[in-house]
Amino acid sequence: MKIRFPFAVLALLGLLALPGNLHATVDDALSFAYEAATPYVKQGYTFREDAWGGDLGVGDQKAVTAQLFRGNEYWFCLGTDADDATITVHVYDSKGKLAESQNWQKGRFAGVMVNPKQTGTYYAIVEVKKSPQERTPWALVYGYR
């Protein structure tokens, strides 16, 4: 039986040559967004499997749209896996007026509650305020009750 030792050694050396701090993915950020949502799930909110995500530089913003319905309460929860990052989310109505009734921010997590006064399109604005990374992965989920 012949062992292909040189191939195994090359494969191991290839793995060792990878940078020690690989860039995170939006999938990792999504895990943190769902972690931020955990208290609201316990309060009876149903979180959708739909999610938004991407990566942003410090000071960059991204707007995402959601159709919200009068009579429901919504929580938008944002997360990133970037250590020492600060991210925020705020929700505006179609006229550009701040629509949130509560919000919070704790480092890699942020959340905002919306009780829409009318059914319509709303805009969640995600921003990376601070990050040690050039591009910071983020994910946003939302739930309702």
C-alpha atoms as a PDB file:
ATOM      1  CA  MET A   1       0.000   0.000   0.000  1.00  0.00           C
ATOM      2  CA  LYS A   2       1.505   3.301  -1.087  1.00  0.00           C
ATOM      3  CA  ILE A   3       0.798   6.407   1.007  1.00  0.00           C
ATOM      4  CA  ARG A   4       0.695   9.720  -0.802  1.00  0.00           C
ATOM      5  CA  PHE A   5       2.637  11.545   1.843  1.00  0.00           C
ATOM      6  CA  PRO A   6       3.774  14.473  -0.352  1.00  0.00           C
ATOM      7  CA  PHE A   7       0.145  15.357  -1.224  1.00  0.00           C
ATOM      8  CA  ALA A   8      -0.903  15.295   2.444  1.00  0.00           C
ATOM      9  CA  VAL A   9       2.033  17.484   3.418  1.00  0.00           C
ATOM     10  CA  LEU A  10       1.267  19.969   0.634  1.00  0.00           C
ATOM     11  CA  ALA A  11      -2.385  20.129   1.656  1.00  0.00           C
ATOM     12  CA  LEU A  12      -1.452  20.746   5.291  1.00  0.00           C
ATOM     13  CA  LEU A  13       1.063  23.427   4.330  1.00  0.00           C
ATOM     14  CA  GLY A  14      -1.582  25.078   2.145  1.00  0.00           C
ATOM     15  CA  LEU A  15      -3.968  25.269   5.092  1.00  0.00           C
ATOM     16  CA  LEU A  16      -1.283  26.657   7.358  1.00  0.00           C
ATOM     17  CA  ALA A  17      -0.492  29.362   4.812  1.00  0.00           C
ATOM     18  CA  LEU A  18      -4.015  30.828   5.076  1.00  0.00           C
ATOM     19  CA  PRO A  19      -4.243  34.108   6.974  1.00  0.00           C
ATOM     20  CA  GLY A  20      -4.892  33.607  10.659  1.00  0.00           C
ATOM     21  CA  ASN A  21      -7.794  36.022  10.687  1.00  0.00           C
ATOM     22  CA  LEU A  22      -9.976  35.030   7.743  1.00  0.00           C
ATOM     23  CA  HIS A  23     -12.668  37.495   6.753  1.00  0.00           C
ATOM     24  CA  ALA A  24     -16.046  36.703   8.200  1.00  0.00           C
ATOM     25  CA  THR A  25     -19.109  36.040   6.128  1.00  0.00           C
ATOM     26  CA  VAL A  26     -22.643  37.298   6.101  1.00  0.00           C
ATOM     27  CA  ASP A  27     -23.691  33.820   7.307  1.00  0.00           C
ATOM     28  CA  ASP A  28     -21.718  34.412  10.504  1.00  0.00           C
ATOM     29  CA  ALA A  29     -23.314  37.846  10.886  1.00  0.00           C
ATOM     30  CA  LEU A  30     -26.734  36.223  10.430  1.00  0.00           C
ATOM     31  CA  SER A  31     -26.077  34.024  13.463  1.00  0.00           C
ATOM     32  CA  PHE A  32     -25.468  37.164  15.520  1.00  0.00           C
ATOM     33  CA  ALA A  33     -28.624  38.828  14.150  1.00  0.00           C
ATOM     34  CA  TYR A  34     -30.680  35.827  15.288  1.00  0.00           C
ATOM     35  CA  GLU A  35     -28.896  35.934  18.641  1.00  0.00           C
ATOM     36  CA  ALA A  36     -30.034  39.560  19.012  1.00  0.00           C
ATOM     37  CA  ALA A  37     -33.586  38.424  18.190  1.00  0.00           C
ATOM     38  CA  THR A  38     -33.710  35.695  20.860  1.00  0.00           C
ATOM     39  CA  PRO A  39     -35.385  37.800  23.595  1.00  0.00           C
ATOM     40  CA  TYR A  40     -38.166  38.791  21.187  1.00  0.00           C
ATOM     41  CA  VAL A  41     -38.796  35.209  20.107  1.00  0.00           C
ATOM     42  CA  LYS A  42     -39.323  34.445  23.791  1.00  0.00           C
ATOM     43  CA  GLN A  43     -41.853  37.310  23.883  1.00  0.00           C
ATOM     44  CA  GLY A  44     -43.886  35.721  21.073  1.00  0.00           C
ATOM     45  CA  TYR A  45     -42.493  37.442  17.978  1.00  0.00           C
ATOM     46  CA  THR A  46     -42.286  35.323  14.841  1.00  0.00           C
ATOM     47  CA  PHE A  47     -39.074  35.951  12.939  1.00  0.00           C
ATOM     48  CA  ARG A  48     -39.038  35.440   9.217  1.00  0.00           C
ATOM     49  CA  GLU A  49     -36.391  33.371   7.494  1.00  0.00           C
ATOM     50  CA  ASP A  50     -35.903  36.297   5.110  1.00  0.00           C
ATOM     51  CA  ALA A  51     -32.835  38.321   5.939  1.00  0.00           C
ATOM     52  CA  TRP A  52     -30.810  41.113   4.459  1.00  0.00           C
ATOM     53  CA  GLY A  53     -27.062  41.237   4.588  1.00  0.00           C
ATOM     54  CA  GLY A  54     -23.873  42.491   3.086  1.00  0.00           C
ATOM     55  CA  ASP A  55     -20.759  44.311   4.107  1.00  0.00           C
ATOM     56  CA  LEU A  56     -20.170  47.997   4.698  1.00  0.00           C
ATOM     57  CA  GLY A  57     -17.227  50.262   5.385  1.00  0.00           C
ATOM     58  CA  VAL A  58     -17.174  52.490   8.448  1.00  0.00           C
ATOM     59  CA  GLY A  59     -19.655  55.343   7.962  1.00  0.00           C
ATOM     60  CA  ASP A  60     -21.411  53.589   5.080  1.00  0.00           C
ATOM     61  CA  GLN A  61     -25.165  53.017   5.163  1.00  0.00           C
ATOM     62  CA  LYS A  62     -27.505  50.602   3.432  1.00  0.00           C
ATOM     63  CA  ALA A  63     -31.269  51.007   3.114  1.00  0.00           C
ATOM     64  CA  VAL A  64     -33.487  47.936   2.973  1.00  0.00           C
ATOM     65  CA  THR A  65     -37.229  48.018   2.399  1.00  0.00           C
ATOM     66  CA  ALA A  66     -39.951  46.112   4.199  1.00  0.00           C
ATOM     67  CA  GLN A  67     -43.712  46.072   3.831  1.00  0.00           C
ATOM     68  CA  LEU A  68     -45.138  46.591   7.319  1.00  0.00           C
ATOM     69  CA  PHE A  69     -48.779  46.346   8.349  1.00  0.00           C
ATOM     70  CA  ARG A  70     -50.703  48.572  10.708  1.00  0.00           C
ATOM     71  CA  GLY A  71     -51.739  46.674  13.825  1.00  0.00           C
ATOM     72  CA  ASN A  72     -48.584  44.555  14.026  1.00  0.00           C
ATOM     73  CA  GLU A  73     -45.502  45.193  16.140  1.00  0.00           C
ATOM     74  CA  TYR A  74     -42.100  44.565  14.554  1.00  0.00           C
ATOM     75  CA  TRP A  75     -38.566  44.109  15.829  1.00  0.00           C
ATOM     76  CA  PHE A  76     -35.639  44.528  13.450  1.00  0.00           C
ATOM     77  CA  CYS A  77     -32.450  42.930  14.809  1.00  0.00           C
ATOM     78  CA  LEU A  78     -29.007  43.574  13.381  1.00  0.00           C
ATOM     79  CA  GLY A  79     -25.796  41.672  13.990  1.00  0.00           C
ATOM     80  CA  THR A  80     -22.197  41.379  12.900  1.00  0.00           C
ATOM     81  CA  ASP A  81     -19.454  38.988  13.875  1.00  0.00           C
ATOM     82  CA  ALA A  82     -16.797  41.714  13.757  1.00  0.00           C
ATOM     83  CA  ASP A  83     -15.235  42.088  17.196  1.00  0.00           C
ATOM     84  CA  ASP A  84     -15.277  45.655  18.523  1.00  0.00           C
ATOM     85  CA  ALA A  85     -17.665  46.840  15.788  1.00  0.00           C
ATOM     86  CA  THR A  86     -20.495  49.273  16.457  1.00  0.00           C
ATOM     87  CA  ILE A  87     -23.540  49.011  14.190  1.00  0.00           C
ATOM     88  CA  THR A  88     -26.926  50.719  14.174  1.00  0.00           C
ATOM     89  CA  VAL A  89     -30.331  50.337  12.558  1.00  0.00           C
ATOM     90  CA  HIS A  90     -33.159  52.877  12.337  1.00  0.00           C
ATOM     91  CA  VAL A  91     -36.517  52.577  10.550  1.00  0.00           C
ATOM     92  CA  TYR A  92     -38.227  55.352   8.580  1.00  0.00           C
ATOM     93  CA  ASP A  93     -41.613  55.564   6.889  1.00  0.00           C
ATOM     94  CA  SER A  94     -42.105  56.389   3.208  1.00  0.00           C
ATOM     95  CA  LYS A  95     -42.086  60.125   4.018  1.00  0.00           C
ATOM     96  CA  GLY A  96     -38.672  59.898   5.670  1.00  0.00           C
ATOM     97  CA  LYS A  97     -40.025  60.237   9.210  1.00  0.00           C
ATOM     98  CA  LEU A  98     -38.457  58.125  11.966  1.00  0.00           C
ATOM     99  CA  ALA A  99     -40.976  55.346  12.630  1.00  0.00           C
ATOM    100  CA  GLU A 100     -39.452  53.481  15.549  1.00  0.00           C
ATOM    101  CA  SER A 101     -40.864  53.410  19.067  1.00  0.00           C
ATOM    102  CA  GLN A 102     -37.821  51.811  20.747  1.00  0.00           C
ATOM    103  CA  ASN A 103     -34.236  51.171  19.788  1.00  0.00           C
ATOM    104  CA  TRP A 104     -31.056  49.875  21.340  1.00  0.00           C
ATOM    105  CA  GLN A 105     -27.429  49.344  20.361  1.00  0.00           C
ATOM    106  CA  LYS A 106     -24.781  47.199  22.066  1.00  0.00           C
ATOM    107  CA  GLY A 107     -21.578  46.821  20.062  1.00  0.00           C
ATOM    108  CA  ARG A 108     -22.091  44.125  17.444  1.00  0.00           C
ATOM    109  CA  PHE A 109     -25.871  44.080  18.039  1.00  0.00           C
ATOM    110  CA  ALA A 110     -28.674  46.579  17.462  1.00  0.00           C
ATOM    111  CA  GLY A 111     -32.444  46.479  17.459  1.00  0.00           C
ATOM    112  CA  VAL A 112     -35.411  48.675  16.698  1.00  0.00           C
ATOM    113  CA  MET A 113     -39.139  48.270  17.383  1.00  0.00           C
ATOM    114  CA  VAL A 114     -41.751  49.641  15.002  1.00  0.00           C
ATOM    115  CA  ASN A 115     -45.522  49.978  15.515  1.00  0.00           C
ATOM    116  CA  PRO A 116     -46.597  51.207  12.056  1.00  0.00           C
ATOM    117  CA  LYS A 117     -49.328  53.833  12.110  1.00  0.00           C
ATOM    118  CA  GLN A 118     -50.255  52.781   8.591  1.00  0.00           C
ATOM    119  CA  THR A 119     -49.568  49.907   6.240  1.00  0.00           C
ATOM    120  CA  GLY A 120     -46.847  50.672   3.760  1.00  0.00           C
ATOM    121  CA  THR A 121     -43.223  50.537   2.762  1.00  0.00           C
ATOM    122  CA  TYR A 122     -40.690  51.259   5.466  1.00  0.00           C
ATOM    123  CA  TYR A 123     -36.933  51.675   5.232  1.00  0.00           C
ATOM    124  CA  ALA A 124     -34.434  50.183   7.649  1.00  0.00           C
ATOM    125  CA  ILE A 125     -31.127  52.054   7.499  1.00  0.00           C
ATOM    126  CA  VAL A 126     -28.137  49.964   8.570  1.00  0.00           C
ATOM    127  CA  GLU A 127     -24.872  51.728   9.406  1.00  0.00           C
ATOM    128  CA  VAL A 128     -21.437  50.645  10.565  1.00  0.00           C
ATOM    129  CA  LYS A 129     -20.334  53.325  13.018  1.00  0.00           C
ATOM    130  CA  LYS A 130     -17.021  51.762  14.019  1.00  0.00           C
ATOM    131  CA  SER A 131     -15.091  48.641  13.045  1.00  0.00           C
ATOM    132  CA  PRO A 132     -11.561  47.305  13.039  1.00  0.00           C
ATOM    133  CA  GLN A 133     -12.241  45.806   9.599  1.00  0.00           C
ATOM    134  CA  GLU A 134     -12.184  47.588   6.267  1.00  0.00           C
ATOM    135  CA  ARG A 135     -15.491  45.929   5.314  1.00  0.00           C
ATOM    136  CA  THR A 136     -17.805  44.723   8.073  1.00  0.00           C
ATOM    137  CA  PRO A 137     -20.306  41.921   7.364  1.00  0.00           C
ATOM    138  CA  TRP A 138     -23.814  42.512   8.716  1.00  0.00           C
ATOM    139  CA  ALA A 139     -27.202  40.805   8.688  1.00  0.00           C
ATOM    140  CA  LEU A 140     -30.673  42.098   9.530  1.00  0.00           C
ATOM    141  CA  VAL A 141     -33.712  39.990  10.465  1.00  0.00           C
ATOM    142  CA  TYR A 142     -37.200  41.019  11.509  1.00  0.00           C
ATOM    143  CA  GLY A 143     -40.087  39.555  13.419  1.00  0.00           C
ATOM    144  CA  TYR A 144     -43.684  40.503  14.095  1.00  0.00           C
ATOM    145  CA  ARG A 145     -46.586  39.776  16.423  1.00  0.00           C
END
